[in-house]
Amino acid sequence: MEQSLYEVSEDYIYHFAEWVKLAVELCGVLVIAWGVMISLWLYARRIFTRTEQDFIALRLTLARYLIVALEFQLAADIISTAIAPGWDQIGKLAAIATIRTVLNYFLEKEIDAEVEAIKTGDRNTFEDRMDEAADE
């Protein structure tokens, strides 16, 4: 039985979207990997040098990469749902999007607070935040 032009086009679009989704997910993974490598390099540099042990730059660097990676992963989820919009998948996307958006919001909020403390020169705020993070 011969498929109609619509069905053939739909199949091609579906497979193309799957490849795009895979590529976007890969970009997210690569961003995380790159961010971790840079953060580890900063960490090693701080440990093996005689400079003051200030890990704020390390935390901010990793947080920025995580924010970008979360955006890539959310984009991949949206692509996945756009090509197969079943209610189950839409519900999963809503849950994932909510979790990733909340994570993104709090990471950005933390970065903004750190940057503001840097601008004002409030060193005690940094140290308090680092102590709080170490206690968690």
C-alpha atoms as a PDB file:
ATOM      1  CA  MET A   1       0.000   0.000   0.000  1.00  0.00           C
ATOM      2  CA  GLU A   2       1.418   3.342  -0.972  1.00  0.00           C
ATOM      3  CA  GLN A   3       1.723   6.126   1.599  1.00  0.00           C
ATOM      4  CA  SER A   4       0.379   9.538   0.805  1.00  0.00           C
ATOM      5  CA  LEU A   5       2.683  12.516   0.402  1.00  0.00           C
ATOM      6  CA  TYR A   6       1.418  13.838   3.754  1.00  0.00           C
ATOM      7  CA  GLU A   7       2.333  10.639   5.598  1.00  0.00           C
ATOM      8  CA  VAL A   8       5.778  10.491   4.000  1.00  0.00           C
ATOM      9  CA  SER A   9       6.400  14.163   4.854  1.00  0.00           C
ATOM     10  CA  GLU A  10       5.211  13.590   8.399  1.00  0.00           C
ATOM     11  CA  ASP A  11       7.643  10.684   8.816  1.00  0.00           C
ATOM     12  CA  TYR A  12      10.552  12.766   7.535  1.00  0.00           C
ATOM     13  CA  ILE A  13       9.675  15.667   9.822  1.00  0.00           C
ATOM     14  CA  TYR A  14       9.341  13.330  12.808  1.00  0.00           C
ATOM     15  CA  HIS A  15      12.759  11.733  12.165  1.00  0.00           C
ATOM     16  CA  PHE A  16      14.377  15.116  11.516  1.00  0.00           C
ATOM     17  CA  ALA A  17      12.951  16.453  14.798  1.00  0.00           C
ATOM     18  CA  GLU A  18      14.307  13.396  16.625  1.00  0.00           C
ATOM     19  CA  TRP A  19      17.808  14.129  15.275  1.00  0.00           C
ATOM     20  CA  VAL A  20      17.487  17.803  16.194  1.00  0.00           C
ATOM     21  CA  LYS A  21      16.384  16.799  19.713  1.00  0.00           C
ATOM     22  CA  LEU A  22      19.376  14.477  20.021  1.00  0.00           C
ATOM     23  CA  ALA A  23      21.740  17.224  18.837  1.00  0.00           C
ATOM     24  CA  VAL A  24      20.280  19.728  21.321  1.00  0.00           C
ATOM     25  CA  GLU A  25      20.579  17.215  24.170  1.00  0.00           C
ATOM     26  CA  LEU A  26      24.181  16.568  23.150  1.00  0.00           C
ATOM     27  CA  CYS A  27      24.861  20.321  23.243  1.00  0.00           C
ATOM     28  CA  GLY A  28      23.504  20.431  26.793  1.00  0.00           C
ATOM     29  CA  VAL A  29      25.716  17.546  27.869  1.00  0.00           C
ATOM     30  CA  LEU A  30      28.759  19.135  26.223  1.00  0.00           C
ATOM     31  CA  VAL A  31      28.081  22.453  27.966  1.00  0.00           C
ATOM     32  CA  ILE A  32      27.921  20.676  31.334  1.00  0.00           C
ATOM     33  CA  ALA A  33      31.108  18.724  30.595  1.00  0.00           C
ATOM     34  CA  TRP A  34      32.938  21.872  29.508  1.00  0.00           C
ATOM     35  CA  GLY A  35      31.724  23.769  32.584  1.00  0.00           C
ATOM     36  CA  VAL A  36      32.856  20.962  34.895  1.00  0.00           C
ATOM     37  CA  MET A  37      36.280  20.835  33.233  1.00  0.00           C
ATOM     38  CA  ILE A  38      36.748  24.592  33.587  1.00  0.00           C
ATOM     39  CA  SER A  39      35.540  24.488  37.192  1.00  0.00           C
ATOM     40  CA  LEU A  40      37.902  21.628  38.023  1.00  0.00           C
ATOM     41  CA  TRP A  41      40.753  23.567  36.434  1.00  0.00           C
ATOM     42  CA  LEU A  42      39.887  26.631  38.554  1.00  0.00           C
ATOM     43  CA  TYR A  43      39.615  24.402  41.624  1.00  0.00           C
ATOM     44  CA  ALA A  44      43.014  22.778  40.986  1.00  0.00           C
ATOM     45  CA  ARG A  45      44.582  26.147  40.339  1.00  0.00           C
ATOM     46  CA  ARG A  46      43.247  27.470  43.641  1.00  0.00           C
ATOM     47  CA  ILE A  47      44.358  24.416  45.612  1.00  0.00           C
ATOM     48  CA  PHE A  48      47.868  24.140  44.162  1.00  0.00           C
ATOM     49  CA  THR A  49      48.732  27.823  44.349  1.00  0.00           C
ATOM     50  CA  ARG A  50      49.362  29.875  47.398  1.00  0.00           C
ATOM     51  CA  THR A  51      46.509  32.262  46.648  1.00  0.00           C
ATOM     52  CA  GLU A  52      43.628  32.836  49.010  1.00  0.00           C
ATOM     53  CA  GLN A  53      41.060  30.018  48.933  1.00  0.00           C
ATOM     54  CA  ASP A  54      38.190  31.963  47.325  1.00  0.00           C
ATOM     55  CA  PHE A  55      35.797  29.615  45.569  1.00  0.00           C
ATOM     56  CA  ILE A  56      33.226  32.219  44.540  1.00  0.00           C
ATOM     57  CA  ALA A  57      34.548  32.431  40.979  1.00  0.00           C
ATOM     58  CA  LEU A  58      34.434  28.642  40.746  1.00  0.00           C
ATOM     59  CA  ARG A  59      30.820  28.485  41.919  1.00  0.00           C
ATOM     60  CA  LEU A  60      29.742  31.305  39.613  1.00  0.00           C
ATOM     61  CA  THR A  61      31.464  29.725  36.636  1.00  0.00           C
ATOM     62  CA  LEU A  62      29.856  26.344  37.168  1.00  0.00           C
ATOM     63  CA  ALA A  63      26.440  27.925  37.816  1.00  0.00           C
ATOM     64  CA  ARG A  64      26.596  29.838  34.519  1.00  0.00           C
ATOM     65  CA  TYR A  65      27.346  26.669  32.574  1.00  0.00           C
ATOM     66  CA  LEU A  66      24.565  24.802  34.365  1.00  0.00           C
ATOM     67  CA  ILE A  67      22.070  27.534  33.476  1.00  0.00           C
ATOM     68  CA  VAL A  68      22.967  27.291  29.792  1.00  0.00           C
ATOM     69  CA  ALA A  69      22.832  23.482  29.896  1.00  0.00           C
ATOM     70  CA  LEU A  70      19.396  23.559  31.545  1.00  0.00           C
ATOM     71  CA  GLU A  71      18.145  25.749  28.692  1.00  0.00           C
ATOM     72  CA  PHE A  72      19.440  23.242  26.121  1.00  0.00           C
ATOM     73  CA  GLN A  73      17.833  20.329  27.945  1.00  0.00           C
ATOM     74  CA  LEU A  74      14.518  22.154  28.216  1.00  0.00           C
ATOM     75  CA  ALA A  75      14.660  22.945  24.478  1.00  0.00           C
ATOM     76  CA  ALA A  76      15.208  19.244  23.734  1.00  0.00           C
ATOM     77  CA  ASP A  77      12.212  18.323  25.875  1.00  0.00           C
ATOM     78  CA  ILE A  78      10.048  20.858  24.060  1.00  0.00           C
ATOM     79  CA  ILE A  79      11.127  19.446  20.690  1.00  0.00           C
ATOM     80  CA  SER A  80      10.299  15.947  21.903  1.00  0.00           C
ATOM     81  CA  THR A  81       6.832  16.992  22.994  1.00  0.00           C
ATOM     82  CA  ALA A  82       6.213  19.004  19.831  1.00  0.00           C
ATOM     83  CA  ILE A  83       6.623  15.916  17.643  1.00  0.00           C
ATOM     84  CA  ALA A  84       4.640  13.475  19.795  1.00  0.00           C
ATOM     85  CA  PRO A  85       2.195  15.466  21.915  1.00  0.00           C
ATOM     86  CA  GLY A  86       0.491  12.775  23.965  1.00  0.00           C
ATOM     87  CA  TRP A  87      -1.009  13.811  27.312  1.00  0.00           C
ATOM     88  CA  ASP A  88       1.497  11.684  29.166  1.00  0.00           C
ATOM     89  CA  GLN A  89       4.393  13.426  27.415  1.00  0.00           C
ATOM     90  CA  ILE A  90       2.834  16.852  27.904  1.00  0.00           C
ATOM     91  CA  GLY A  91       2.513  16.132  31.642  1.00  0.00           C
ATOM     92  CA  LYS A  92       6.116  14.990  31.838  1.00  0.00           C
ATOM     93  CA  LEU A  93       7.243  18.100  29.946  1.00  0.00           C
ATOM     94  CA  ALA A  94       5.288  20.310  32.346  1.00  0.00           C
ATOM     95  CA  ALA A  95       6.942  18.654  35.358  1.00  0.00           C
ATOM     96  CA  ILE A  96      10.417  18.751  33.820  1.00  0.00           C
ATOM     97  CA  ALA A  97       9.993  22.326  32.613  1.00  0.00           C
ATOM     98  CA  THR A  98       8.850  23.414  36.068  1.00  0.00           C
ATOM     99  CA  ILE A  99      11.776  21.740  37.817  1.00  0.00           C
ATOM    100  CA  ARG A 100      14.327  23.093  35.340  1.00  0.00           C
ATOM    101  CA  THR A 101      12.825  26.573  35.417  1.00  0.00           C
ATOM    102  CA  VAL A 102      12.933  26.632  39.231  1.00  0.00           C
ATOM    103  CA  LEU A 103      16.546  25.410  39.211  1.00  0.00           C
ATOM    104  CA  ASN A 104      17.419  28.027  36.615  1.00  0.00           C
ATOM    105  CA  TYR A 105      15.684  30.764  38.614  1.00  0.00           C
ATOM    106  CA  PHE A 106      17.530  29.970  41.827  1.00  0.00           C
ATOM    107  CA  LEU A 107      20.889  29.628  40.069  1.00  0.00           C
ATOM    108  CA  GLU A 108      20.397  33.027  38.445  1.00  0.00           C
ATOM    109  CA  LYS A 109      19.274  34.503  41.766  1.00  0.00           C
ATOM    110  CA  GLU A 110      22.407  33.171  43.465  1.00  0.00           C
ATOM    111  CA  ILE A 111      24.632  34.517  40.681  1.00  0.00           C
ATOM    112  CA  ASP A 112      22.978  37.940  40.923  1.00  0.00           C
ATOM    113  CA  ALA A 113      23.480  37.988  44.696  1.00  0.00           C
ATOM    114  CA  GLU A 114      27.144  37.041  44.334  1.00  0.00           C
ATOM    115  CA  VAL A 115      27.727  39.642  41.623  1.00  0.00           C
ATOM    116  CA  GLU A 116      26.024  42.320  43.731  1.00  0.00           C
ATOM    117  CA  ALA A 117      28.203  41.394  46.704  1.00  0.00           C
ATOM    118  CA  ILE A 118      31.272  41.631  44.457  1.00  0.00           C
ATOM    119  CA  LYS A 119      30.221  45.075  43.240  1.00  0.00           C
ATOM    120  CA  THR A 120      29.679  46.359  46.766  1.00  0.00           C
ATOM    121  CA  GLY A 121      32.859  44.729  48.062  1.00  0.00           C
ATOM    122  CA  ASP A 122      30.985  42.886  50.809  1.00  0.00           C
ATOM    123  CA  ARG A 123      33.541  40.186  51.614  1.00  0.00           C
ATOM    124  CA  ASN A 124      31.688  38.986  54.730  1.00  0.00           C
ATOM    125  CA  THR A 125      28.613  38.161  52.645  1.00  0.00           C
ATOM    126  CA  PHE A 126      30.770  35.904  50.467  1.00  0.00           C
ATOM    127  CA  GLU A 127      32.265  34.123  53.425  1.00  0.00           C
ATOM    128  CA  ASP A 128      28.853  33.656  55.067  1.00  0.00           C
ATOM    129  CA  ARG A 129      27.443  32.169  51.863  1.00  0.00           C
ATOM    130  CA  MET A 130      30.400  29.853  51.482  1.00  0.00           C
ATOM    131  CA  ASP A 131      30.016  28.688  55.099  1.00  0.00           C
ATOM    132  CA  GLU A 132      26.287  28.089  54.543  1.00  0.00           C
ATOM    133  CA  ALA A 133      26.980  26.112  51.357  1.00  0.00           C
ATOM    134  CA  ALA A 134      29.602  23.999  53.154  1.00  0.00           C
ATOM    135  CA  ASP A 135      27.167  23.213  55.972  1.00  0.00           C
ATOM    136  CA  GLU A 136      24.442  21.934  53.615  1.00  0.00           C
END
